[in-house]
Amino acid sequence: MNPPISRDEPAETQGGGAYPGKALALPEHGSRSVAPLPQRFLSLCLDWAAAAAVAFFAFHYDPGATLGLFLAQVIVMQTLFGASLGQFLTGLRVLPVTGRSPMLVRALVRSIIMLSVISAFVVNDNRQTLHDLVAGVAIVRA
């Protein structure tokens, strides 16, 4: 497990050429490198589409059912497999980068904060959105 990152220094001063994920001890390219934001957005759309499809057939496209199915799928899949359905299909996974809390707690915290939508637009130098940062995870290439 990676040690917590010191937030006192900017990524540029932590060693030569900064890139997204360097401060988290992740590689610049390839497996376990930080996922690009468009790929993350696509995985979110796929997760929502899966929930909407089930809600359409089982619950006559009830908005509450769609939201509940979306949250249940994301939390269960990330807890058990480290990736939601959309993340799995787009070659991404959720990687814990700080602390030692169980993945269930991380998935719950991340999903609840993600519902604010605005958290997706707050991104740091490591391409961690606000909900990733609070949950202590990074979305990486599988």
N, C-alpha and C. Protein backbone atom coordinates (compact mmCIF):
# COMPACT_ATOMS: atom_id res chain seq x y z
N MET A 1 0.85 -1.17 0.00
CA MET A 1 0.00 0.00 0.00
C MET A 1 0.90 1.23 0.00
N ASN A 2 0.54 2.23 -0.77
CA ASN A 2 1.33 3.45 -0.87
C ASN A 2 1.17 4.30 0.39
N PRO A 3 2.25 4.93 0.86
CA PRO A 3 2.14 5.81 2.03
C PRO A 3 1.38 7.07 1.66
N PRO A 4 0.78 7.73 2.64
CA PRO A 4 0.10 8.99 2.35
C PRO A 4 1.07 10.00 1.73
N ILE A 5 0.56 10.82 0.86
CA ILE A 5 1.36 11.81 0.16
C ILE A 5 1.43 13.08 0.98
N SER A 6 2.62 13.68 1.06
CA SER A 6 2.76 14.96 1.72
C SER A 6 2.19 16.03 0.81
N ARG A 7 1.18 16.73 1.24
CA ARG A 7 0.52 17.74 0.43
C ARG A 7 1.19 19.11 0.58
N ASP A 8 2.29 19.20 1.35
CA ASP A 8 2.94 20.48 1.59
C ASP A 8 3.75 20.96 0.39
N GLU A 9 4.24 20.04 -0.42
CA GLU A 9 5.06 20.42 -1.57
C GLU A 9 4.28 20.25 -2.85
N PRO A 10 4.42 21.19 -3.79
CA PRO A 10 3.81 20.97 -5.10
C PRO A 10 4.51 19.81 -5.81
N ALA A 11 3.80 19.17 -6.74
CA ALA A 11 4.34 18.00 -7.44
C ALA A 11 5.64 18.34 -8.17
N GLU A 12 5.79 19.57 -8.65
CA GLU A 12 6.98 19.95 -9.41
C GLU A 12 8.26 19.86 -8.58
N THR A 13 8.17 20.07 -7.27
CA THR A 13 9.37 20.08 -6.44
C THR A 13 9.69 18.70 -5.87
N GLN A 14 8.90 17.68 -6.18
CA GLN A 14 9.13 16.36 -5.63
C GLN A 14 10.03 15.51 -6.53
N GLY A 15 10.81 16.12 -7.37
CA GLY A 15 11.70 15.39 -8.25
C GLY A 15 11.45 15.84 -9.67
N GLY A 16 12.36 15.49 -10.59
CA GLY A 16 12.29 15.92 -11.99
C GLY A 16 10.93 15.81 -12.61
N GLY A 17 10.76 16.26 -13.83
CA GLY A 17 9.56 16.28 -14.65
C GLY A 17 8.27 15.76 -14.02
N ALA A 18 7.43 16.65 -13.59
CA ALA A 18 6.15 16.25 -12.98
C ALA A 18 5.19 15.76 -14.05
N TYR A 19 4.37 14.80 -13.70
CA TYR A 19 3.30 14.29 -14.54
C TYR A 19 2.18 13.84 -13.62
N PRO A 20 0.96 13.72 -14.13
CA PRO A 20 -0.14 13.28 -13.26
C PRO A 20 0.15 11.91 -12.66
N GLY A 21 0.09 11.81 -11.36
CA GLY A 21 0.32 10.56 -10.66
C GLY A 21 1.71 10.40 -10.07
N LYS A 22 2.62 11.28 -10.42
CA LYS A 22 3.99 11.16 -9.88
C LYS A 22 3.99 11.28 -8.37
N ALA A 23 3.23 12.22 -7.82
CA ALA A 23 3.18 12.41 -6.37
C ALA A 23 2.54 11.22 -5.66
N LEU A 24 1.85 10.37 -6.41
CA LEU A 24 1.21 9.18 -5.84
C LEU A 24 2.06 7.93 -6.08
N ALA A 25 3.26 8.12 -6.61
CA ALA A 25 4.18 7.03 -6.93
C ALA A 25 3.60 6.10 -8.00
N LEU A 26 2.86 6.67 -8.94
CA LEU A 26 2.31 5.90 -10.06
C LEU A 26 3.15 6.15 -11.30
N PRO A 27 3.20 5.19 -12.21
CA PRO A 27 4.00 5.39 -13.43
C PRO A 27 3.37 6.43 -14.35
N GLU A 28 4.18 6.96 -15.25
CA GLU A 28 3.69 7.97 -16.18
C GLU A 28 2.84 7.36 -17.29
N HIS A 29 3.19 6.16 -17.74
CA HIS A 29 2.49 5.50 -18.84
C HIS A 29 2.19 4.05 -18.49
N GLY A 30 1.24 3.46 -19.19
CA GLY A 30 0.97 2.03 -19.05
C GLY A 30 0.09 1.69 -17.87
N SER A 31 0.14 0.42 -17.50
CA SER A 31 -0.68 -0.10 -16.41
C SER A 31 -0.38 0.66 -15.11
N ARG A 32 -1.43 0.96 -14.37
CA ARG A 32 -1.38 1.71 -13.10
C ARG A 32 -1.05 3.18 -13.26
N SER A 33 -1.00 3.69 -14.50
CA SER A 33 -0.84 5.13 -14.68
C SER A 33 -2.21 5.79 -14.54
N VAL A 34 -2.22 7.06 -14.22
CA VAL A 34 -3.47 7.78 -13.98
C VAL A 34 -4.31 7.81 -15.26
N ALA A 35 -5.58 7.50 -15.11
CA ALA A 35 -6.49 7.44 -16.25
C ALA A 35 -6.83 8.84 -16.77
N PRO A 36 -6.96 9.00 -18.09
CA PRO A 36 -7.37 10.29 -18.64
C PRO A 36 -8.84 10.58 -18.30
N LEU A 37 -9.15 11.85 -18.13
CA LEU A 37 -10.51 12.24 -17.75
C LEU A 37 -11.58 11.83 -18.78
N PRO A 38 -11.33 11.92 -20.11
CA PRO A 38 -12.37 11.48 -21.05
C PRO A 38 -12.71 9.99 -20.90
N GLN A 39 -11.73 9.17 -20.63
CA GLN A 39 -11.97 7.74 -20.44
C GLN A 39 -12.78 7.50 -19.16
N ARG A 40 -12.50 8.29 -18.13
CA ARG A 40 -13.27 8.19 -16.90
C ARG A 40 -14.72 8.61 -17.13
N PHE A 41 -14.93 9.67 -17.92
CA PHE A 41 -16.28 10.12 -18.21
C PHE A 41 -17.05 9.04 -18.99
N LEU A 42 -16.38 8.40 -19.94
CA LEU A 42 -17.02 7.32 -20.69
C LEU A 42 -17.43 6.18 -19.77
N SER A 43 -16.58 5.83 -18.82
CA SER A 43 -16.94 4.75 -17.89
C SER A 43 -18.15 5.13 -17.04
N LEU A 44 -18.23 6.38 -16.64
CA LEU A 44 -19.39 6.86 -15.88
C LEU A 44 -20.67 6.76 -16.72
N CYS A 45 -20.58 7.15 -17.99
CA CYS A 45 -21.74 7.06 -18.89
C CYS A 45 -22.19 5.61 -19.07
N LEU A 46 -21.24 4.70 -19.18
CA LEU A 46 -21.58 3.28 -19.31
C LEU A 46 -22.25 2.75 -18.05
N ASP A 47 -21.75 3.16 -16.89
CA ASP A 47 -22.38 2.76 -15.62
C ASP A 47 -23.82 3.27 -15.55
N TRP A 48 -24.01 4.53 -15.93
CA TRP A 48 -25.35 5.11 -15.87
C TRP A 48 -26.27 4.44 -16.89
N ALA A 49 -25.76 4.15 -18.08
CA ALA A 49 -26.56 3.50 -19.12
C ALA A 49 -27.00 2.10 -18.67
N ALA A 50 -26.13 1.38 -18.01
CA ALA A 50 -26.48 0.05 -17.50
C ALA A 50 -27.59 0.15 -16.46
N ALA A 51 -27.46 1.11 -15.56
CA ALA A 51 -28.49 1.30 -14.53
C ALA A 51 -29.81 1.74 -15.16
N ALA A 52 -29.73 2.62 -16.16
CA ALA A 52 -30.94 3.10 -16.84
C ALA A 52 -31.63 1.98 -17.59
N ALA A 53 -30.86 1.10 -18.21
CA ALA A 53 -31.45 -0.01 -18.96
C ALA A 53 -32.21 -0.96 -18.03
N VAL A 54 -31.62 -1.29 -16.90
CA VAL A 54 -32.30 -2.16 -15.94
C VAL A 54 -33.53 -1.45 -15.38
N ALA A 55 -33.39 -0.17 -15.05
CA ALA A 55 -34.53 0.59 -14.53
C ALA A 55 -35.65 0.70 -15.56
N PHE A 56 -35.31 0.81 -16.82
CA PHE A 56 -36.32 0.91 -17.88
C PHE A 56 -37.18 -0.35 -17.93
N PHE A 57 -36.52 -1.50 -17.90
CA PHE A 57 -37.26 -2.76 -18.02
C PHE A 57 -37.90 -3.21 -16.72
N ALA A 58 -37.26 -2.96 -15.59
CA ALA A 58 -37.76 -3.47 -14.32
C ALA A 58 -38.62 -2.47 -13.55
N PHE A 59 -38.38 -1.16 -13.75
CA PHE A 59 -39.06 -0.15 -12.94
C PHE A 59 -39.68 0.96 -13.77
N HIS A 60 -39.93 0.71 -15.05
CA HIS A 60 -40.53 1.71 -15.95
C HIS A 60 -39.75 3.02 -15.93
N TYR A 61 -38.45 2.91 -15.89
CA TYR A 61 -37.50 4.03 -15.90
C TYR A 61 -37.77 5.04 -14.78
N ASP A 62 -37.99 4.54 -13.60
CA ASP A 62 -38.16 5.39 -12.43
C ASP A 62 -36.81 6.03 -12.09
N PRO A 63 -36.75 7.38 -11.95
CA PRO A 63 -35.47 8.04 -11.68
C PRO A 63 -34.81 7.58 -10.37
N GLY A 64 -35.60 7.35 -9.35
CA GLY A 64 -35.05 6.87 -8.08
C GLY A 64 -34.45 5.48 -8.21
N ALA A 65 -35.12 4.64 -8.98
CA ALA A 65 -34.59 3.29 -9.21
C ALA A 65 -33.29 3.34 -10.00
N THR A 66 -33.24 4.24 -10.99
CA THR A 66 -32.02 4.37 -11.79
C THR A 66 -30.85 4.79 -10.90
N LEU A 67 -31.07 5.78 -10.06
CA LEU A 67 -30.03 6.25 -9.16
C LEU A 67 -29.61 5.16 -8.18
N GLY A 68 -30.59 4.48 -7.62
CA GLY A 68 -30.29 3.39 -6.68
C GLY A 68 -29.52 2.26 -7.33
N LEU A 69 -29.92 1.88 -8.53
CA LEU A 69 -29.21 0.82 -9.26
C LEU A 69 -27.79 1.26 -9.61
N PHE A 70 -27.63 2.51 -10.02
CA PHE A 70 -26.31 3.04 -10.34
C PHE A 70 -25.40 2.95 -9.12
N LEU A 71 -25.87 3.47 -7.98
CA LEU A 71 -25.06 3.45 -6.76
C LEU A 71 -24.75 2.03 -6.30
N ALA A 72 -25.75 1.16 -6.33
CA ALA A 72 -25.54 -0.22 -5.90
C ALA A 72 -24.50 -0.91 -6.77
N GLN A 73 -24.61 -0.74 -8.08
CA GLN A 73 -23.67 -1.39 -9.00
C GLN A 73 -22.26 -0.87 -8.78
N VAL A 74 -22.10 0.44 -8.67
CA VAL A 74 -20.77 1.03 -8.50
C VAL A 74 -20.16 0.59 -7.17
N ILE A 75 -20.91 0.68 -6.09
CA ILE A 75 -20.38 0.33 -4.77
C ILE A 75 -20.02 -1.15 -4.68
N VAL A 76 -20.92 -2.01 -5.13
CA VAL A 76 -20.67 -3.45 -5.05
C VAL A 76 -19.51 -3.87 -5.95
N MET A 77 -19.51 -3.40 -7.19
CA MET A 77 -18.45 -3.79 -8.13
C MET A 77 -17.08 -3.25 -7.69
N GLN A 78 -17.02 -2.00 -7.24
CA GLN A 78 -15.74 -1.45 -6.81
C GLN A 78 -15.24 -2.16 -5.55
N THR A 79 -16.14 -2.53 -4.67
CA THR A 79 -15.75 -3.23 -3.44
C THR A 79 -15.22 -4.63 -3.76
N LEU A 80 -15.93 -5.36 -4.61
CA LEU A 80 -15.55 -6.74 -4.89
C LEU A 80 -14.43 -6.88 -5.93
N PHE A 81 -14.44 -6.03 -6.95
CA PHE A 81 -13.53 -6.22 -8.08
C PHE A 81 -12.59 -5.05 -8.34
N GLY A 82 -12.75 -3.93 -7.62
CA GLY A 82 -11.87 -2.78 -7.82
C GLY A 82 -12.22 -1.95 -9.04
N ALA A 83 -13.37 -2.21 -9.66
CA ALA A 83 -13.81 -1.44 -10.82
C ALA A 83 -15.31 -1.64 -11.01
N SER A 84 -15.99 -0.57 -11.40
CA SER A 84 -17.41 -0.70 -11.74
C SER A 84 -17.51 -1.33 -13.12
N LEU A 85 -18.71 -1.62 -13.57
CA LEU A 85 -18.91 -2.21 -14.89
C LEU A 85 -18.32 -1.32 -15.99
N GLY A 86 -18.62 -0.02 -15.94
CA GLY A 86 -18.10 0.91 -16.93
C GLY A 86 -16.59 1.02 -16.88
N GLN A 87 -16.02 1.02 -15.68
CA GLN A 87 -14.57 1.07 -15.54
C GLN A 87 -13.93 -0.20 -16.10
N PHE A 88 -14.55 -1.32 -15.83
CA PHE A 88 -14.03 -2.58 -16.36
C PHE A 88 -14.03 -2.57 -17.89
N LEU A 89 -15.14 -2.10 -18.48
CA LEU A 89 -15.26 -2.08 -19.95
C LEU A 89 -14.30 -1.09 -20.60
N THR A 90 -13.91 -0.03 -19.89
CA THR A 90 -12.99 0.96 -20.46
C THR A 90 -11.54 0.75 -20.00
N GLY A 91 -11.28 -0.35 -19.30
CA GLY A 91 -9.91 -0.67 -18.90
C GLY A 91 -9.38 0.16 -17.75
N LEU A 92 -10.24 0.51 -16.80
CA LEU A 92 -9.84 1.30 -15.64
C LEU A 92 -10.05 0.50 -14.37
N ARG A 93 -9.44 0.96 -13.29
CA ARG A 93 -9.72 0.39 -11.97
C ARG A 93 -9.48 1.43 -10.90
N VAL A 94 -10.03 1.18 -9.73
CA VAL A 94 -9.89 2.09 -8.59
C VAL A 94 -8.75 1.56 -7.73
N LEU A 95 -7.77 2.43 -7.47
CA LEU A 95 -6.59 2.03 -6.71
C LEU A 95 -6.49 2.86 -5.44
N PRO A 96 -6.52 2.22 -4.26
CA PRO A 96 -6.32 2.98 -3.02
C PRO A 96 -4.90 3.54 -2.98
N VAL A 97 -4.76 4.82 -2.63
CA VAL A 97 -3.44 5.44 -2.59
C VAL A 97 -3.09 6.04 -1.23
N THR A 98 -4.02 6.15 -0.32
CA THR A 98 -3.74 6.66 1.02
C THR A 98 -4.51 5.85 2.05
N GLY A 99 -4.00 5.83 3.26
CA GLY A 99 -4.72 5.20 4.37
C GLY A 99 -4.86 3.70 4.24
N ARG A 100 -5.68 3.13 5.14
CA ARG A 100 -5.86 1.69 5.16
C ARG A 100 -7.33 1.29 5.28
N SER A 101 -8.25 2.18 4.99
CA SER A 101 -9.67 1.84 5.14
C SER A 101 -10.08 0.81 4.09
N PRO A 102 -11.07 -0.04 4.41
CA PRO A 102 -11.52 -1.07 3.48
C PRO A 102 -12.13 -0.46 2.21
N MET A 103 -12.11 -1.20 1.14
CA MET A 103 -12.62 -0.70 -0.14
C MET A 103 -14.12 -0.38 -0.05
N LEU A 104 -14.87 -1.10 0.76
CA LEU A 104 -16.30 -0.80 0.91
C LEU A 104 -16.49 0.63 1.39
N VAL A 105 -15.73 1.04 2.38
CA VAL A 105 -15.83 2.41 2.91
C VAL A 105 -15.43 3.41 1.84
N ARG A 106 -14.35 3.14 1.14
CA ARG A 106 -13.90 4.03 0.07
C ARG A 106 -14.96 4.17 -1.02
N ALA A 107 -15.55 3.05 -1.43
CA ALA A 107 -16.57 3.07 -2.48
C ALA A 107 -17.81 3.84 -2.03
N LEU A 108 -18.22 3.66 -0.79
CA LEU A 108 -19.38 4.40 -0.26
C LEU A 108 -19.11 5.89 -0.23
N VAL A 109 -17.98 6.28 0.34
CA VAL A 109 -17.63 7.70 0.44
C VAL A 109 -17.53 8.32 -0.94
N ARG A 110 -16.82 7.65 -1.84
CA ARG A 110 -16.61 8.16 -3.19
C ARG A 110 -17.95 8.33 -3.92
N SER A 111 -18.82 7.34 -3.82
CA SER A 111 -20.10 7.39 -4.53
C SER A 111 -21.03 8.46 -3.98
N ILE A 112 -21.07 8.59 -2.67
CA ILE A 112 -21.95 9.60 -2.05
C ILE A 112 -21.50 11.01 -2.44
N ILE A 113 -20.19 11.27 -2.37
CA ILE A 113 -19.68 12.59 -2.74
C ILE A 113 -19.86 12.83 -4.24
N MET A 114 -19.73 11.77 -5.04
CA MET A 114 -19.88 11.90 -6.49
C MET A 114 -21.29 12.39 -6.86
N LEU A 115 -22.28 12.11 -6.04
CA LEU A 115 -23.65 12.55 -6.32
C LEU A 115 -23.78 14.07 -6.36
N SER A 116 -22.85 14.79 -5.76
CA SER A 116 -22.92 16.25 -5.80
C SER A 116 -22.63 16.79 -7.19
N VAL A 117 -22.12 15.98 -8.08
CA VAL A 117 -21.75 16.32 -9.46
C VAL A 117 -20.63 17.35 -9.52
N ILE A 118 -20.71 18.39 -8.73
CA ILE A 118 -19.69 19.43 -8.74
C ILE A 118 -18.32 18.86 -8.37
N SER A 119 -18.30 17.78 -7.59
CA SER A 119 -17.02 17.19 -7.19
C SER A 119 -16.22 16.67 -8.38
N ALA A 120 -16.89 16.36 -9.48
CA ALA A 120 -16.20 15.87 -10.67
C ALA A 120 -15.43 16.98 -11.38
N PHE A 121 -15.77 18.21 -11.08
CA PHE A 121 -15.11 19.35 -11.74
C PHE A 121 -13.97 19.94 -10.91
N VAL A 122 -13.75 19.38 -9.72
CA VAL A 122 -12.64 19.80 -8.88
C VAL A 122 -11.55 18.73 -9.03
N VAL A 123 -10.49 19.06 -9.76
CA VAL A 123 -9.45 18.09 -10.11
C VAL A 123 -8.09 18.63 -9.71
N ASN A 124 -7.26 17.78 -9.09
CA ASN A 124 -5.92 18.22 -8.70
C ASN A 124 -4.89 17.83 -9.77
N ASP A 125 -3.62 18.07 -9.49
CA ASP A 125 -2.55 17.80 -10.44
C ASP A 125 -2.39 16.31 -10.77
N ASN A 126 -2.90 15.45 -9.91
CA ASN A 126 -2.82 14.00 -10.13
C ASN A 126 -4.08 13.44 -10.79
N ARG A 127 -4.89 14.33 -11.34
CA ARG A 127 -6.17 13.98 -11.98
C ARG A 127 -7.12 13.28 -11.00
N GLN A 128 -6.99 13.57 -9.73
CA GLN A 128 -7.94 13.07 -8.75
C GLN A 128 -9.06 14.08 -8.61
N THR A 129 -10.28 13.63 -8.80
CA THR A 129 -11.42 14.50 -8.56
C THR A 129 -11.62 14.61 -7.05
N LEU A 130 -12.49 15.52 -6.63
CA LEU A 130 -12.71 15.72 -5.20
C LEU A 130 -13.15 14.43 -4.52
N HIS A 131 -14.07 13.67 -5.16
CA HIS A 131 -14.54 12.44 -4.53
C HIS A 131 -13.44 11.38 -4.45
N ASP A 132 -12.51 11.37 -5.40
CA ASP A 132 -11.37 10.45 -5.32
C ASP A 132 -10.43 10.85 -4.19
N LEU A 133 -10.18 12.13 -4.09
CA LEU A 133 -9.27 12.65 -3.07
C LEU A 133 -9.78 12.35 -1.68
N VAL A 134 -11.05 12.60 -1.42
CA VAL A 134 -11.62 12.34 -0.09
C VAL A 134 -11.60 10.85 0.22
N ALA A 135 -11.88 10.01 -0.77
CA ALA A 135 -11.90 8.56 -0.56
C ALA A 135 -10.49 7.96 -0.52
N GLY A 136 -9.47 8.72 -0.92
CA GLY A 136 -8.09 8.21 -0.90
C GLY A 136 -7.82 7.23 -2.00
N VAL A 137 -8.37 7.47 -3.19
CA VAL A 137 -8.16 6.57 -4.32
C VAL A 137 -7.71 7.36 -5.55
N ALA A 138 -7.22 6.63 -6.52
CA ALA A 138 -6.91 7.18 -7.85
C ALA A 138 -7.49 6.21 -8.86
N ILE A 139 -7.97 6.75 -9.97
CA ILE A 139 -8.48 5.91 -11.06
C ILE A 139 -7.33 5.72 -12.03
N VAL A 140 -6.96 4.47 -12.26
CA VAL A 140 -5.79 4.16 -13.07
C VAL A 140 -6.16 3.21 -14.20
N ARG A 141 -5.26 3.13 -15.17
CA ARG A 141 -5.42 2.15 -16.25
C ARG A 141 -5.17 0.76 -15.68
N ALA A 142 -5.95 -0.19 -16.11
CA ALA A 142 -5.79 -1.57 -15.62
C ALA A 142 -4.56 -2.23 -16.19
